Amino acid sequence: MRIGRVVGTVVSTICSPIFEGRRLLLCDLLDASGEPDGSYLICVDTVGSGAGETVLILDEGNSARQVVGVSPAPIRAVVVGIVDQLTVDGELVIHEG
């Protein structure tokens, strides 16, 4: 699992039928201090997250497909939760809301 921040959406006019009715989110991956680490993932949204939110990302192809309930499918990463708070070594790193 990874922690990320939603920075945008991905729109494709031509795509696999599995993506119809599903939102694709562009997520910056975060390090332990809550800062972007310079990498990103395109994730299928399963929780209704939006721009600016910190999210929990499942980045394991087969497990991601199981969350969506379709196999085989061209899915690698899914957003499975919205992070309310992140504490590292007893220090509050992220607090949403």
Protein backbone atom coordinates (compact mmCIF):
# COMPACT_ATOMS: atom_id res chain seq x y z
CA MET A 1 0.00 0.00 0.00
CA ARG A 2 1.05 3.57 -0.68
CA ILE A 3 -0.03 7.02 0.47
CA GLY A 4 -0.78 9.61 -2.22
CA ARG A 5 -2.45 12.93 -2.90
CA VAL A 6 -5.00 13.32 -5.69
CA VAL A 7 -3.75 16.02 -8.05
CA GLY A 8 -6.08 15.53 -11.00
CA THR A 9 -8.17 13.26 -13.16
CA VAL A 10 -7.29 11.38 -16.33
CA VAL A 11 -9.71 11.47 -19.26
CA SER A 12 -9.44 9.09 -22.18
CA THR A 13 -11.87 9.04 -25.08
CA ILE A 14 -10.76 5.57 -26.11
CA CYS A 15 -10.33 3.03 -23.31
CA SER A 16 -10.97 -0.51 -22.19
CA PRO A 17 -14.65 -1.16 -21.34
CA ILE A 18 -13.62 -1.87 -17.70
CA PHE A 19 -13.01 1.87 -17.24
CA GLU A 20 -16.49 2.95 -18.34
CA GLY A 21 -18.24 4.58 -15.39
CA ARG A 22 -15.03 4.64 -13.33
CA ARG A 23 -12.89 7.67 -12.55
CA LEU A 24 -9.15 7.60 -13.12
CA LEU A 25 -7.15 9.76 -10.72
CA LEU A 26 -3.63 11.11 -11.03
CA CYS A 27 -1.99 10.72 -7.62
CA ASP A 28 1.37 12.05 -6.44
CA LEU A 29 2.98 9.49 -4.14
CA LEU A 30 4.02 10.79 -0.72
CA ASP A 31 7.03 9.94 1.45
CA ALA A 32 6.91 9.36 5.23
CA SER A 33 6.98 13.12 5.88
CA GLY A 34 3.84 13.63 3.76
CA GLU A 35 5.72 15.32 0.92
CA PRO A 36 5.61 14.24 -2.77
CA ASP A 37 8.45 11.83 -3.54
CA GLY A 38 8.55 12.72 -7.26
CA SER A 39 6.59 9.72 -8.52
CA TYR A 40 2.94 9.24 -9.38
CA LEU A 41 0.32 6.62 -10.19
CA ILE A 42 -2.87 6.62 -12.22
CA CYS A 43 -5.45 4.92 -10.00
CA VAL A 44 -9.02 3.72 -10.35
CA ASP A 45 -11.15 5.50 -7.72
CA THR A 46 -13.30 3.19 -5.60
CA VAL A 47 -14.16 5.56 -2.73
CA GLY A 48 -15.22 8.86 -4.29
CA SER A 49 -12.07 10.82 -3.49
CA GLY A 50 -11.36 14.21 -4.98
CA ALA A 51 -8.61 16.68 -5.83
CA GLY A 52 -6.34 17.59 -2.93
CA GLU A 53 -7.32 14.64 -0.75
CA THR A 54 -4.73 12.33 0.76
CA VAL A 55 -5.57 8.74 -0.16
CA LEU A 56 -4.57 5.14 0.53
CA ILE A 57 -3.53 3.38 -2.68
CA LEU A 58 -3.40 -0.35 -3.27
CA ASP A 59 -0.63 -0.74 -5.87
CA GLU A 60 -0.61 -4.49 -6.41
CA GLY A 61 -2.17 -5.52 -9.73
CA ASN A 62 -3.97 -8.72 -8.73
CA SER A 63 -5.22 -7.31 -5.42
CA ALA A 64 -6.34 -4.13 -7.20
CA ARG A 65 -8.36 -6.19 -9.68
CA GLN A 66 -9.96 -8.10 -6.78
CA VAL A 67 -11.10 -4.81 -5.19
CA VAL A 68 -12.78 -3.81 -8.45
CA GLY A 69 -14.18 -7.32 -8.81
CA VAL A 70 -13.07 -7.93 -12.40
CA SER A 71 -10.31 -10.25 -13.49
CA PRO A 72 -8.56 -10.13 -15.85
CA ALA A 73 -8.52 -6.34 -16.26
CA PRO A 74 -5.88 -3.74 -17.17
CA ILE A 75 -5.80 -2.32 -13.63
CA ARG A 76 -2.70 -1.93 -11.47
CA ALA A 77 -3.63 0.59 -8.74
CA VAL A 78 -6.83 1.57 -6.94
CA VAL A 79 -7.70 4.19 -4.33
CA VAL A 80 -9.15 2.23 -1.41
CA GLY A 81 -9.41 4.89 1.29
CA ILE A 82 -9.26 8.57 2.19
CA VAL A 83 -6.66 9.38 4.85
CA ASP A 84 -7.89 11.45 7.81
CA GLN A 85 -4.63 11.41 9.73
CA LEU A 86 -1.06 10.13 9.32
CA THR A 87 1.24 9.82 12.31
CA VAL A 88 4.90 8.78 11.89
CA ASP A 89 7.06 8.05 14.94
CA GLY A 90 4.53 9.78 17.18
CA GLU A 91 4.52 12.97 15.08
CA LEU A 92 1.38 14.11 13.28
CA VAL A 93 2.32 14.39 9.58
CA ILE A 94 -1.08 14.78 7.90
CA HIS A 95 -4.38 15.84 9.43
CA GLU A 96 -7.32 16.35 7.07
CA GLY A 97 -10.47 18.14 8.08
